[in-house]
Amino acid sequence: MYKIAVIEDDTLLGQALVEMLTSHGYQAFAAESVTKARRLQERQPVDLLLIDRGLADGDGVELCRQRSGQEKLPAIFLTARDEEEDIVEAFDAGADDYLVKPVALAVLLKHIEAVLRRTGGEPNQVFYYQDFSLDYDRKEARIQGKPVALTPKEYGILEVLTRNQKKVVTKRMLLEQVWDDGGNFVEENTLHVTLNRLKKKIEPDPAHPVYVKNVFGLGYTFGE
């Protein structure tokens, strides 16, 4: 499912766009200002920006130009400003498309589809559970939007557990998929130590985990 950030200072219009995009199979998020848009991108990786030009605390062009270092993140402007210099400035900032309000929703959808297809965009592979997220593409975990420093083994454990959510993952499965084929060269308590260290990093209370849970005698599971 593609994720789209709607950066629009008209709250009613922004909400209408979010509802429309959601009804057509996208996951959409609204932000009314440059500041909120940047916070949104820090918490929630997205696949496309839909940006207005005139925002309360700045110009959407600057937001487009500084897309959190994500040069490949496509951006479409949806704005009432139709002067040639405004359009040129947006494209110079890296915009992939520029639409002038009002735009029929069916037309907007087609432009979104075309930009995603043209840019070769693939939906970000991100797992979400409560305050936790795991970005499989970036190999990055976040708690309440803040990145968590993980070792490769800790990340590997989380990926196996989250990709098998609602299933019990045995110790043998983790050893085979995270360490080596069969886990033949791993000391007996290595997994236990790594899991304890991981819980201290992501659990609000490691003694009562809400994310990585031990299923007595069977293995481990993620969440409920």
N, C-alpha and C. Protein backbone atom coordinates (compact mmCIF):
# COMPACT_ATOMS: atom_id res chain seq x y z
N MET A 1 0.85 -1.20 0.00
CA MET A 1 0.00 0.00 0.00
C MET A 1 0.88 1.24 0.00
N TYR A 2 0.72 2.09 -1.02
CA TYR A 2 1.48 3.33 -1.08
C TYR A 2 1.03 4.29 0.01
N LYS A 3 1.98 5.03 0.55
CA LYS A 3 1.70 6.01 1.60
C LYS A 3 1.96 7.41 1.06
N ILE A 4 0.98 8.29 1.21
CA ILE A 4 1.06 9.64 0.66
C ILE A 4 0.89 10.67 1.77
N ALA A 5 1.78 11.65 1.81
CA ALA A 5 1.66 12.77 2.75
C ALA A 5 0.99 13.93 2.03
N VAL A 6 -0.12 14.39 2.57
CA VAL A 6 -0.87 15.52 2.00
C VAL A 6 -0.49 16.77 2.80
N ILE A 7 0.27 17.66 2.17
CA ILE A 7 0.73 18.88 2.85
C ILE A 7 -0.15 20.03 2.39
N GLU A 8 -1.15 20.37 3.18
CA GLU A 8 -2.19 21.32 2.77
C GLU A 8 -2.65 22.12 3.98
N ASP A 9 -2.57 23.48 3.88
CA ASP A 9 -2.93 24.30 5.03
C ASP A 9 -4.43 24.49 5.20
N ASP A 10 -5.22 24.16 4.18
CA ASP A 10 -6.67 24.16 4.30
C ASP A 10 -7.07 22.82 4.92
N THR A 11 -7.41 22.85 6.21
CA THR A 11 -7.64 21.61 6.95
C THR A 11 -8.76 20.77 6.34
N LEU A 12 -9.84 21.42 5.94
CA LEU A 12 -10.97 20.68 5.36
C LEU A 12 -10.58 20.02 4.04
N LEU A 13 -9.85 20.77 3.20
CA LEU A 13 -9.41 20.20 1.93
C LEU A 13 -8.42 19.06 2.17
N GLY A 14 -7.51 19.27 3.11
CA GLY A 14 -6.53 18.23 3.41
C GLY A 14 -7.20 16.95 3.87
N GLN A 15 -8.22 17.09 4.74
CA GLN A 15 -8.92 15.90 5.21
C GLN A 15 -9.70 15.22 4.10
N ALA A 16 -10.30 16.05 3.23
CA ALA A 16 -11.04 15.49 2.09
C ALA A 16 -10.11 14.69 1.18
N LEU A 17 -8.91 15.22 0.97
CA LEU A 17 -7.93 14.52 0.13
C LEU A 17 -7.49 13.21 0.79
N VAL A 18 -7.27 13.24 2.09
CA VAL A 18 -6.89 12.03 2.81
C VAL A 18 -7.97 10.96 2.67
N GLU A 19 -9.23 11.36 2.86
CA GLU A 19 -10.34 10.41 2.77
C GLU A 19 -10.47 9.86 1.35
N MET A 20 -10.29 10.73 0.35
CA MET A 20 -10.39 10.29 -1.03
C MET A 20 -9.28 9.29 -1.36
N LEU A 21 -8.05 9.61 -0.96
CA LEU A 21 -6.93 8.72 -1.24
C LEU A 21 -7.10 7.38 -0.52
N THR A 22 -7.57 7.44 0.73
CA THR A 22 -7.80 6.21 1.50
C THR A 22 -8.84 5.33 0.83
N SER A 23 -9.90 5.96 0.31
CA SER A 23 -10.96 5.19 -0.34
C SER A 23 -10.50 4.56 -1.65
N HIS A 24 -9.35 5.03 -2.18
CA HIS A 24 -8.83 4.47 -3.43
C HIS A 24 -7.58 3.60 -3.20
N GLY A 25 -7.42 3.12 -1.97
CA GLY A 25 -6.39 2.13 -1.71
C GLY A 25 -5.06 2.65 -1.25
N TYR A 26 -4.95 3.97 -1.01
CA TYR A 26 -3.70 4.53 -0.49
C TYR A 26 -3.81 4.68 1.03
N GLN A 27 -2.66 4.83 1.67
CA GLN A 27 -2.64 5.22 3.07
C GLN A 27 -2.16 6.66 3.10
N ALA A 28 -2.99 7.56 3.60
CA ALA A 28 -2.70 8.99 3.50
C ALA A 28 -2.62 9.63 4.87
N PHE A 29 -1.76 10.66 4.96
CA PHE A 29 -1.54 11.38 6.21
C PHE A 29 -1.55 12.88 5.89
N ALA A 30 -2.12 13.68 6.77
CA ALA A 30 -2.23 15.12 6.53
C ALA A 30 -1.29 15.91 7.43
N ALA A 31 -0.76 17.00 6.89
CA ALA A 31 0.04 17.95 7.66
C ALA A 31 -0.29 19.34 7.12
N GLU A 32 -0.43 20.32 8.03
CA GLU A 32 -0.89 21.65 7.62
C GLU A 32 0.23 22.66 7.44
N SER A 33 1.46 22.27 7.72
CA SER A 33 2.56 23.24 7.66
C SER A 33 3.85 22.52 7.29
N VAL A 34 4.88 23.31 6.97
CA VAL A 34 6.19 22.75 6.68
C VAL A 34 6.73 22.01 7.90
N THR A 35 6.60 22.61 9.07
CA THR A 35 7.09 22.01 10.30
C THR A 35 6.43 20.67 10.56
N LYS A 36 5.10 20.62 10.45
CA LYS A 36 4.38 19.36 10.69
C LYS A 36 4.69 18.33 9.62
N ALA A 37 4.93 18.80 8.41
CA ALA A 37 5.27 17.87 7.33
C ALA A 37 6.60 17.19 7.60
N ARG A 38 7.57 17.96 8.10
CA ARG A 38 8.88 17.38 8.42
C ARG A 38 8.78 16.39 9.57
N ARG A 39 7.97 16.73 10.57
CA ARG A 39 7.78 15.80 11.69
C ARG A 39 7.10 14.53 11.21
N LEU A 40 6.14 14.69 10.31
CA LEU A 40 5.45 13.53 9.77
C LEU A 40 6.41 12.60 9.05
N GLN A 41 7.31 13.17 8.25
CA GLN A 41 8.27 12.34 7.51
C GLN A 41 9.26 11.65 8.44
N GLU A 42 9.54 12.26 9.58
CA GLU A 42 10.44 11.63 10.55
C GLU A 42 9.77 10.42 11.21
N ARG A 43 8.45 10.55 11.46
CA ARG A 43 7.72 9.46 12.11
C ARG A 43 7.24 8.41 11.14
N GLN A 44 6.92 8.84 9.93
CA GLN A 44 6.19 7.99 9.00
C GLN A 44 6.78 8.05 7.60
N PRO A 45 7.60 7.08 7.20
CA PRO A 45 8.12 7.07 5.83
C PRO A 45 6.97 7.02 4.83
N VAL A 46 7.05 7.84 3.79
CA VAL A 46 5.99 7.87 2.79
C VAL A 46 6.59 7.64 1.40
N ASP A 47 5.71 7.41 0.44
CA ASP A 47 6.13 7.13 -0.93
C ASP A 47 5.95 8.31 -1.87
N LEU A 48 5.15 9.31 -1.45
CA LEU A 48 4.90 10.47 -2.32
C LEU A 48 4.42 11.64 -1.47
N LEU A 49 4.84 12.84 -1.87
CA LEU A 49 4.36 14.07 -1.23
C LEU A 49 3.39 14.78 -2.16
N LEU A 50 2.26 15.19 -1.62
CA LEU A 50 1.30 16.03 -2.35
C LEU A 50 1.30 17.37 -1.64
N ILE A 51 1.88 18.40 -2.29
CA ILE A 51 2.26 19.63 -1.58
C ILE A 51 1.53 20.86 -2.12
N ASP A 52 1.03 21.67 -1.18
CA ASP A 52 0.54 23.01 -1.51
C ASP A 52 1.73 23.96 -1.48
N ARG A 53 1.60 25.11 -2.17
CA ARG A 53 2.71 26.07 -2.16
C ARG A 53 2.67 26.98 -0.95
N GLY A 54 1.55 27.64 -0.74
CA GLY A 54 1.47 28.62 0.34
C GLY A 54 1.08 27.97 1.65
N LEU A 55 2.06 27.70 2.51
CA LEU A 55 1.79 27.12 3.81
C LEU A 55 2.01 28.16 4.89
N ALA A 56 1.44 27.94 6.06
CA ALA A 56 1.44 28.96 7.11
C ALA A 56 2.85 29.38 7.53
N ASP A 57 3.78 28.43 7.51
CA ASP A 57 5.13 28.73 8.01
C ASP A 57 6.19 28.62 6.93
N GLY A 58 5.80 28.68 5.68
CA GLY A 58 6.79 28.62 4.63
C GLY A 58 6.21 28.23 3.29
N ASP A 59 7.10 28.04 2.33
CA ASP A 59 6.71 27.69 0.97
C ASP A 59 6.94 26.20 0.74
N GLY A 60 5.96 25.55 0.11
CA GLY A 60 6.10 24.14 -0.19
C GLY A 60 7.30 23.82 -1.05
N VAL A 61 7.81 24.81 -1.78
CA VAL A 61 8.99 24.60 -2.61
C VAL A 61 10.20 24.21 -1.75
N GLU A 62 10.36 24.87 -0.61
CA GLU A 62 11.47 24.55 0.27
C GLU A 62 11.34 23.13 0.82
N LEU A 63 10.11 22.74 1.12
CA LEU A 63 9.87 21.38 1.60
C LEU A 63 10.24 20.37 0.52
N CYS A 64 9.91 20.69 -0.71
CA CYS A 64 10.24 19.82 -1.84
C CYS A 64 11.75 19.74 -2.02
N ARG A 65 12.40 20.86 -1.85
CA ARG A 65 13.84 20.92 -2.07
C ARG A 65 14.61 20.17 -0.98
N GLN A 66 14.02 20.10 0.20
CA GLN A 66 14.70 19.49 1.33
C GLN A 66 13.96 18.23 1.79
N ARG A 67 13.71 17.33 0.90
CA ARG A 67 12.91 16.15 1.23
C ARG A 67 13.66 15.16 2.09
N SER A 68 14.14 15.64 3.24
CA SER A 68 14.84 14.80 4.21
C SER A 68 15.92 13.95 3.56
N GLY A 69 16.55 14.48 2.51
CA GLY A 69 17.60 13.76 1.84
C GLY A 69 17.12 12.64 0.96
N GLN A 70 15.80 12.53 0.77
CA GLN A 70 15.24 11.45 -0.03
C GLN A 70 15.07 11.93 -1.47
N GLU A 71 16.16 11.90 -2.23
CA GLU A 71 16.14 12.45 -3.57
C GLU A 71 15.14 11.76 -4.48
N LYS A 72 14.88 10.48 -4.22
CA LYS A 72 13.98 9.72 -5.08
C LYS A 72 12.52 9.80 -4.66
N LEU A 73 12.23 10.47 -3.55
CA LEU A 73 10.86 10.60 -3.08
C LEU A 73 10.09 11.54 -4.00
N PRO A 74 9.10 11.04 -4.75
CA PRO A 74 8.39 11.91 -5.69
C PRO A 74 7.51 12.93 -4.99
N ALA A 75 7.29 14.05 -5.66
CA ALA A 75 6.48 15.13 -5.11
C ALA A 75 5.60 15.74 -6.20
N ILE A 76 4.34 15.95 -5.87
CA ILE A 76 3.38 16.60 -6.77
C ILE A 76 2.88 17.86 -6.08
N PHE A 77 2.91 18.97 -6.78
CA PHE A 77 2.33 20.20 -6.24
C PHE A 77 0.86 20.28 -6.62
N LEU A 78 0.05 20.64 -5.63
CA LEU A 78 -1.38 20.89 -5.84
C LEU A 78 -1.66 22.25 -5.22
N THR A 79 -1.78 23.27 -6.06
CA THR A 79 -1.80 24.64 -5.57
C THR A 79 -2.63 25.54 -6.46
N ALA A 80 -3.04 26.68 -5.90
CA ALA A 80 -3.79 27.66 -6.68
C ALA A 80 -2.87 28.60 -7.46
N ARG A 81 -1.58 28.56 -7.20
CA ARG A 81 -0.64 29.48 -7.86
C ARG A 81 -0.31 28.96 -9.26
N ASP A 82 -0.67 29.73 -10.24
CA ASP A 82 -0.55 29.26 -11.63
C ASP A 82 0.37 30.12 -12.49
N GLU A 83 1.16 30.99 -11.86
CA GLU A 83 2.10 31.80 -12.63
C GLU A 83 3.24 30.94 -13.16
N GLU A 84 3.73 31.30 -14.33
CA GLU A 84 4.79 30.52 -14.95
C GLU A 84 6.01 30.41 -14.05
N GLU A 85 6.38 31.49 -13.41
CA GLU A 85 7.57 31.48 -12.56
C GLU A 85 7.38 30.56 -11.36
N ASP A 86 6.15 30.45 -10.84
CA ASP A 86 5.88 29.54 -9.73
C ASP A 86 6.05 28.08 -10.17
N ILE A 87 5.55 27.77 -11.35
CA ILE A 87 5.63 26.41 -11.87
C ILE A 87 7.08 26.02 -12.13
N VAL A 88 7.82 26.93 -12.76
CA VAL A 88 9.22 26.67 -13.07
C VAL A 88 10.02 26.47 -11.78
N GLU A 89 9.76 27.32 -10.79
CA GLU A 89 10.48 27.21 -9.52
C GLU A 89 10.24 25.85 -8.87
N ALA A 90 9.01 25.37 -8.93
CA ALA A 90 8.69 24.08 -8.33
C ALA A 90 9.43 22.94 -9.03
N PHE A 91 9.45 22.97 -10.35
CA PHE A 91 10.15 21.92 -11.09
C PHE A 91 11.66 22.00 -10.85
N ASP A 92 12.19 23.22 -10.72
CA ASP A 92 13.61 23.38 -10.41
C ASP A 92 13.94 22.80 -9.04
N ALA A 93 12.95 22.80 -8.14
CA ALA A 93 13.15 22.25 -6.79
C ALA A 93 13.03 20.73 -6.76
N GLY A 94 12.67 20.15 -7.92
CA GLY A 94 12.60 18.69 -7.98
C GLY A 94 11.21 18.11 -8.06
N ALA A 95 10.20 18.96 -8.30
CA ALA A 95 8.83 18.44 -8.39
C ALA A 95 8.69 17.49 -9.57
N ASP A 96 7.85 16.49 -9.42
CA ASP A 96 7.57 15.53 -10.48
C ASP A 96 6.33 15.91 -11.28
N ASP A 97 5.48 16.76 -10.69
CA ASP A 97 4.26 17.18 -11.38
C ASP A 97 3.76 18.45 -10.70
N TYR A 98 2.92 19.21 -11.41
CA TYR A 98 2.41 20.47 -10.87
C TYR A 98 0.98 20.62 -11.36
N LEU A 99 0.02 20.63 -10.42
CA LEU A 99 -1.39 20.74 -10.76
C LEU A 99 -1.96 22.00 -10.12
N VAL A 100 -2.80 22.69 -10.88
CA VAL A 100 -3.40 23.93 -10.40
C VAL A 100 -4.84 23.66 -9.96
N LYS A 101 -5.17 24.09 -8.74
CA LYS A 101 -6.53 23.94 -8.22
C LYS A 101 -7.49 24.84 -9.01
N PRO A 102 -8.73 24.41 -9.13
CA PRO A 102 -9.29 23.12 -8.70
C PRO A 102 -8.97 22.01 -9.70
N VAL A 103 -8.82 20.81 -9.19
CA VAL A 103 -8.54 19.65 -10.03
C VAL A 103 -9.56 18.57 -9.71
N ALA A 104 -10.14 17.97 -10.73
CA ALA A 104 -11.07 16.87 -10.52
C ALA A 104 -10.33 15.73 -9.83
N LEU A 105 -10.99 15.10 -8.86
CA LEU A 105 -10.34 14.05 -8.10
C LEU A 105 -9.88 12.89 -8.99
N ALA A 106 -10.68 12.57 -10.00
CA ALA A 106 -10.29 11.48 -10.91
C ALA A 106 -9.01 11.83 -11.65
N VAL A 107 -8.86 13.09 -12.00
CA VAL A 107 -7.65 13.54 -12.70
C VAL A 107 -6.45 13.49 -11.76
N LEU A 108 -6.65 13.94 -10.52
CA LEU A 108 -5.57 13.90 -9.53
C LEU A 108 -5.09 12.47 -9.32
N LEU A 109 -6.01 11.55 -9.22
CA LEU A 109 -5.64 10.14 -9.04
C LEU A 109 -4.78 9.64 -10.19
N LYS A 110 -5.14 10.01 -11.40
CA LYS A 110 -4.38 9.56 -12.57
C LYS A 110 -2.96 10.15 -12.56
N HIS A 111 -2.84 11.40 -12.12
CA HIS A 111 -1.51 12.02 -12.04
C HIS A 111 -0.66 11.31 -10.97
N ILE A 112 -1.28 10.97 -9.85
CA ILE A 112 -0.56 10.26 -8.80
C ILE A 112 -0.09 8.90 -9.31
N GLU A 113 -0.97 8.17 -9.97
CA GLU A 113 -0.60 6.87 -10.53
C GLU A 113 0.55 7.01 -11.53
N ALA A 114 0.47 8.03 -12.38
CA ALA A 114 1.49 8.22 -13.41
C ALA A 114 2.85 8.54 -12.80
N VAL A 115 2.87 9.39 -11.76
CA VAL A 115 4.14 9.75 -11.12
C VAL A 115 4.75 8.54 -10.43
N LEU A 116 3.95 7.79 -9.71
CA LEU A 116 4.47 6.60 -9.04
C LEU A 116 5.00 5.58 -10.04
N ARG A 117 4.29 5.46 -11.16
CA ARG A 117 4.74 4.52 -12.19
C ARG A 117 6.02 5.01 -12.86
N ARG A 118 6.08 6.30 -13.13
CA ARG A 118 7.23 6.88 -13.83
C ARG A 118 8.48 6.87 -12.97
N THR A 119 8.32 7.10 -11.69
CA THR A 119 9.47 7.16 -10.79
C THR A 119 9.88 5.78 -10.31
N GLY A 120 9.13 4.78 -10.73
CA GLY A 120 9.48 3.42 -10.33
C GLY A 120 9.27 3.18 -8.86
N GLY A 121 8.40 3.97 -8.26
CA GLY A 121 8.18 3.86 -6.83
C GLY A 121 7.58 2.53 -6.41
N GLU A 122 8.15 1.95 -5.38
CA GLU A 122 7.60 0.77 -4.76
C GLU A 122 7.16 1.17 -3.36
N PRO A 123 6.06 0.61 -2.88
CA PRO A 123 5.63 0.96 -1.53
C PRO A 123 6.72 0.66 -0.51
N ASN A 124 6.92 1.60 0.41
CA ASN A 124 7.88 1.34 1.48
C ASN A 124 7.42 0.12 2.27
N GLN A 125 8.34 -0.79 2.51
CA GLN A 125 8.03 -1.98 3.29
C GLN A 125 8.27 -1.66 4.76
N VAL A 126 7.20 -1.28 5.44
CA VAL A 126 7.32 -0.87 6.84
C VAL A 126 6.28 -1.62 7.67
N PHE A 127 6.73 -2.19 8.78
CA PHE A 127 5.85 -2.87 9.73
C PHE A 127 5.50 -1.91 10.86
N TYR A 128 4.22 -1.88 11.26
CA TYR A 128 3.78 -1.00 12.35
C TYR A 128 3.06 -1.81 13.42
N TYR A 129 3.36 -1.49 14.67
CA TYR A 129 2.64 -2.09 15.79
C TYR A 129 2.74 -1.14 16.96
N GLN A 130 1.59 -0.59 17.38
CA GLN A 130 1.54 0.38 18.46
C GLN A 130 2.55 1.51 18.18
N ASP A 131 3.50 1.76 19.10
CA ASP A 131 4.46 2.85 18.91
C ASP A 131 5.72 2.40 18.18
N PHE A 132 5.73 1.16 17.72
CA PHE A 132 6.92 0.58 17.08
C PHE A 132 6.75 0.50 15.57
N SER A 133 7.83 0.80 14.84
CA SER A 133 7.83 0.59 13.39
C SER A 133 9.18 0.01 12.97
N LEU A 134 9.16 -0.81 11.93
CA LEU A 134 10.38 -1.41 11.41
C LEU A 134 10.36 -1.26 9.89
N ASP A 135 11.30 -0.45 9.38
CA ASP A 135 11.42 -0.20 7.95
C ASP A 135 12.36 -1.26 7.37
N TYR A 136 11.81 -2.19 6.59
CA TYR A 136 12.62 -3.28 6.06
C TYR A 136 13.61 -2.78 5.00
N ASP A 137 13.23 -1.74 4.25
CA ASP A 137 14.13 -1.22 3.22
C ASP A 137 15.34 -0.52 3.84
N ARG A 138 15.10 0.28 4.85
CA ARG A 138 16.18 1.03 5.49
C ARG A 138 16.83 0.27 6.63
N LYS A 139 16.23 -0.86 7.00
CA LYS A 139 16.70 -1.64 8.15
C LYS A 139 16.79 -0.75 9.38
N GLU A 140 15.66 -0.11 9.66
CA GLU A 140 15.62 0.87 10.74
C GLU A 140 14.38 0.67 11.60
N ALA A 141 14.59 0.64 12.92
CA ALA A 141 13.49 0.55 13.87
C ALA A 141 13.26 1.92 14.50
N ARG A 142 12.00 2.20 14.82
CA ARG A 142 11.65 3.45 15.50
C ARG A 142 10.65 3.17 16.62
N ILE A 143 10.79 3.91 17.71
CA ILE A 143 9.83 3.90 18.80
C ILE A 143 9.31 5.32 18.95
N GLN A 144 7.99 5.49 18.79
CA GLN A 144 7.39 6.82 18.83
C GLN A 144 8.09 7.76 17.85
N GLY A 145 8.46 7.22 16.70
CA GLY A 145 9.07 8.03 15.65
C GLY A 145 10.56 8.27 15.80
N LYS A 146 11.15 7.83 16.92
CA LYS A 146 12.57 8.06 17.15
C LYS A 146 13.37 6.80 16.80
N PRO A 147 14.45 6.95 16.03
CA PRO A 147 15.23 5.77 15.62
C PRO A 147 15.89 5.08 16.80
N VAL A 148 15.98 3.76 16.69
CA VAL A 148 16.62 2.93 17.71
C VAL A 148 17.89 2.34 17.10
N ALA A 149 19.01 2.50 17.78
CA ALA A 149 20.28 1.96 17.28
C ALA A 149 20.30 0.44 17.51
N LEU A 150 20.36 -0.32 16.43
CA LEU A 150 20.34 -1.78 16.51
C LEU A 150 21.61 -2.37 15.91
N THR A 151 22.03 -3.49 16.46
CA THR A 151 23.09 -4.25 15.81
C THR A 151 22.45 -5.07 14.68
N PRO A 152 23.24 -5.57 13.75
CA PRO A 152 22.67 -6.39 12.67
C PRO A 152 21.89 -7.59 13.18
N LYS A 153 22.35 -8.24 14.25
CA LYS A 153 21.65 -9.40 14.79
C LYS A 153 20.32 -8.98 15.42
N GLU A 154 20.31 -7.85 16.13
CA GLU A 154 19.08 -7.36 16.74
C GLU A 154 18.05 -7.03 15.67
N TYR A 155 18.51 -6.36 14.61
CA TYR A 155 17.59 -6.08 13.51
C TYR A 155 17.07 -7.37 12.89
N GLY A 156 17.96 -8.34 12.70
CA GLY A 156 17.57 -9.60 12.09
C GLY A 156 16.49 -10.31 12.90
N ILE A 157 16.63 -10.30 14.21
CA ILE A 157 15.62 -10.91 15.07
C ILE A 157 14.28 -10.21 14.88
N LEU A 158 14.29 -8.89 14.90
CA LEU A 158 13.05 -8.14 14.73
C LEU A 158 12.41 -8.41 13.37
N GLU A 159 13.22 -8.50 12.32
CA GLU A 159 12.64 -8.75 11.00
C GLU A 159 11.97 -10.13 10.96
N VAL A 160 12.63 -11.14 11.49
CA VAL A 160 12.03 -12.48 11.48
C VAL A 160 10.74 -12.50 12.30
N LEU A 161 10.76 -11.88 13.47
CA LEU A 161 9.58 -11.89 14.34
C LEU A 161 8.42 -11.11 13.73
N THR A 162 8.70 -9.93 13.18
CA THR A 162 7.62 -9.11 12.64
C THR A 162 7.05 -9.70 11.35
N ARG A 163 7.89 -10.31 10.56
CA ARG A 163 7.38 -10.94 9.33
C ARG A 163 6.57 -12.20 9.64
N ASN A 164 6.69 -12.67 10.88
CA ASN A 164 5.92 -13.84 11.31
C ASN A 164 5.00 -13.49 12.47
N GLN A 165 4.50 -12.24 12.47
CA GLN A 165 3.64 -11.80 13.56
C GLN A 165 2.45 -12.75 13.70
N LYS A 166 2.05 -12.98 14.94
CA LYS A 166 0.94 -13.88 15.29
C LYS A 166 1.31 -15.35 15.14
N LYS A 167 2.60 -15.60 14.85
CA LYS A 167 3.10 -16.97 14.82
C LYS A 167 4.20 -17.10 15.86
N VAL A 168 4.37 -18.30 16.36
CA VAL A 168 5.47 -18.57 17.29
C VAL A 168 6.73 -18.88 16.47
N VAL A 169 7.80 -18.15 16.74
CA VAL A 169 9.08 -18.36 16.07
C VAL A 169 9.99 -19.11 17.05
N THR A 170 10.45 -20.26 16.65
CA THR A 170 11.28 -21.07 17.55
C THR A 170 12.71 -20.53 17.61
N LYS A 171 13.42 -20.97 18.64
CA LYS A 171 14.82 -20.60 18.77
C LYS A 171 15.60 -21.09 17.56
N ARG A 172 15.32 -22.30 17.10
CA ARG A 172 16.02 -22.85 15.95
C ARG A 172 15.81 -21.99 14.71
N MET A 173 14.58 -21.49 14.50
CA MET A 173 14.31 -20.63 13.35
C MET A 173 15.14 -19.36 13.40
N LEU A 174 15.24 -18.74 14.59
CA LEU A 174 16.03 -17.52 14.72
C LEU A 174 17.50 -17.79 14.48
N LEU A 175 18.00 -18.88 15.02
CA LEU A 175 19.41 -19.20 14.82
C LEU A 175 19.71 -19.43 13.34
N GLU A 176 18.83 -20.13 12.66
CA GLU A 176 19.06 -20.43 11.25
C GLU A 176 18.97 -19.19 10.37
N GLN A 177 18.01 -18.31 10.68
CA GLN A 177 17.76 -17.17 9.80
C GLN A 177 18.59 -15.94 10.15
N VAL A 178 19.03 -15.84 11.40
CA VAL A 178 19.76 -14.63 11.82
C VAL A 178 21.26 -14.89 11.94
N TRP A 179 21.64 -16.07 12.40
CA TRP A 179 23.06 -16.36 12.57
C TRP A 179 23.63 -17.13 11.39
N ASP A 180 23.47 -18.43 11.36
CA ASP A 180 24.01 -19.19 10.24
C ASP A 180 23.09 -20.37 9.97
N ASP A 181 23.30 -21.05 8.91
CA ASP A 181 22.47 -22.18 8.53
C ASP A 181 22.57 -23.27 9.59
N GLY A 182 21.54 -23.31 10.44
CA GLY A 182 21.53 -24.30 11.51
C GLY A 182 21.99 -23.75 12.84
N GLY A 183 22.61 -22.58 12.84
CA GLY A 183 23.09 -22.01 14.09
C GLY A 183 24.14 -22.87 14.76
N ASN A 184 24.91 -23.56 13.96
CA ASN A 184 25.84 -24.54 14.49
C ASN A 184 27.02 -23.94 15.25
N PHE A 185 27.32 -22.68 14.97
CA PHE A 185 28.50 -22.09 15.58
C PHE A 185 28.14 -20.98 16.58
N VAL A 186 26.94 -21.07 17.12
CA VAL A 186 26.45 -20.07 18.06
C VAL A 186 26.42 -20.67 19.46
N GLU A 187 26.97 -19.94 20.43
CA GLU A 187 26.96 -20.43 21.80
C GLU A 187 25.53 -20.49 22.32
N GLU A 188 25.32 -21.34 23.30
CA GLU A 188 23.98 -21.67 23.76
C GLU A 188 23.18 -20.44 24.20
N ASN A 189 23.82 -19.52 24.91
CA ASN A 189 23.06 -18.39 25.45
C ASN A 189 23.16 -17.13 24.60
N THR A 190 23.76 -17.21 23.41
CA THR A 190 23.93 -16.02 22.58
C THR A 190 22.58 -15.39 22.22
N LEU A 191 21.62 -16.20 21.80
CA LEU A 191 20.31 -15.68 21.43
C LEU A 191 19.64 -15.03 22.63
N HIS A 192 19.73 -15.68 23.79
CA HIS A 192 19.12 -15.14 25.01
C HIS A 192 19.70 -13.77 25.35
N VAL A 193 21.01 -13.65 25.29
CA VAL A 193 21.68 -12.39 25.61
C VAL A 193 21.27 -11.30 24.61
N THR A 194 21.24 -11.65 23.33
CA THR A 194 20.88 -10.68 22.29
C THR A 194 19.44 -10.21 22.46
N LEU A 195 18.55 -11.13 22.78
CA LEU A 195 17.14 -10.77 22.98
C LEU A 195 16.98 -9.85 24.18
N ASN A 196 17.69 -10.13 25.27
CA ASN A 196 17.60 -9.27 26.45
C ASN A 196 18.10 -7.86 26.15
N ARG A 197 19.19 -7.77 25.39
CA ARG A 197 19.73 -6.47 25.01
C ARG A 197 18.74 -5.72 24.12
N LEU A 198 18.11 -6.47 23.21
CA LEU A 198 17.13 -5.87 22.32
C LEU A 198 15.93 -5.34 23.09
N LYS A 199 15.44 -6.10 24.03
CA LYS A 199 14.28 -5.68 24.82
C LYS A 199 14.57 -4.39 25.59
N LYS A 200 15.79 -4.25 26.09
CA LYS A 200 16.14 -3.03 26.82
C LYS A 200 16.08 -1.80 25.92
N LYS A 201 16.26 -2.02 24.62
CA LYS A 201 16.25 -0.90 23.67
C LYS A 201 14.85 -0.52 23.22
N ILE A 202 13.94 -1.49 23.13
CA ILE A 202 12.64 -1.19 22.52
C ILE A 202 11.45 -1.29 23.47
N GLU A 203 11.60 -1.99 24.58
CA GLU A 203 10.46 -2.20 25.47
C GLU A 203 10.31 -1.07 26.48
N PRO A 204 9.10 -0.57 26.70
CA PRO A 204 8.88 0.43 27.76
C PRO A 204 9.28 -0.13 29.12
N ASP A 205 8.98 -1.42 29.35
CA ASP A 205 9.36 -2.11 30.59
C ASP A 205 9.84 -3.51 30.19
N PRO A 206 11.16 -3.71 30.09
CA PRO A 206 11.69 -5.01 29.63
C PRO A 206 11.19 -6.20 30.44
N ALA A 207 10.83 -5.97 31.71
CA ALA A 207 10.34 -7.07 32.54
C ALA A 207 8.93 -7.49 32.15
N HIS A 208 8.20 -6.59 31.48
CA HIS A 208 6.84 -6.89 31.02
C HIS A 208 6.73 -6.45 29.55
N PRO A 209 7.35 -7.21 28.65
CA PRO A 209 7.43 -6.79 27.24
C PRO A 209 6.07 -6.74 26.55
N VAL A 210 5.94 -5.76 25.66
CA VAL A 210 4.73 -5.66 24.84
C VAL A 210 5.03 -5.97 23.38
N TYR A 211 6.32 -6.04 23.05
CA TYR A 211 6.71 -6.31 21.66
C TYR A 211 7.25 -7.73 21.51
N VAL A 212 8.45 -7.97 21.99
CA VAL A 212 9.06 -9.30 21.87
C VAL A 212 8.71 -10.11 23.11
N LYS A 213 7.91 -11.16 22.90
CA LYS A 213 7.42 -11.96 24.02
C LYS A 213 7.91 -13.41 23.92
N ASN A 214 8.18 -13.97 25.10
CA ASN A 214 8.62 -15.36 25.21
C ASN A 214 7.38 -16.25 25.35
N VAL A 215 7.26 -17.24 24.49
CA VAL A 215 6.20 -18.24 24.61
C VAL A 215 6.84 -19.47 25.26
N PHE A 216 6.56 -19.68 26.52
CA PHE A 216 7.28 -20.67 27.32
C PHE A 216 7.30 -22.05 26.65
N GLY A 217 8.52 -22.55 26.50
CA GLY A 217 8.71 -23.88 25.95
C GLY A 217 8.59 -23.98 24.46
N LEU A 218 8.21 -22.89 23.79
CA LEU A 218 8.01 -22.95 22.34
C LEU A 218 8.93 -22.01 21.57
N GLY A 219 9.04 -20.76 22.01
CA GLY A 219 9.87 -19.81 21.27
C GLY A 219 9.46 -18.39 21.58
N TYR A 220 9.31 -17.57 20.53
CA TYR A 220 9.06 -16.15 20.70
C TYR A 220 8.00 -15.68 19.70
N THR A 221 7.35 -14.60 20.07
CA THR A 221 6.37 -14.00 19.17
C THR A 221 6.46 -12.50 19.30
N PHE A 222 5.87 -11.78 18.33
CA PHE A 222 5.90 -10.32 18.38
C PHE A 222 4.48 -9.80 18.61
N GLY A 223 4.32 -9.01 19.68
CA GLY A 223 3.02 -8.42 19.96
C GLY A 223 2.00 -9.45 20.40
N GLU A 224 0.74 -9.11 20.15
CA GLU A 224 -0.35 -10.01 20.55
C GLU A 224 -0.49 -11.16 19.57
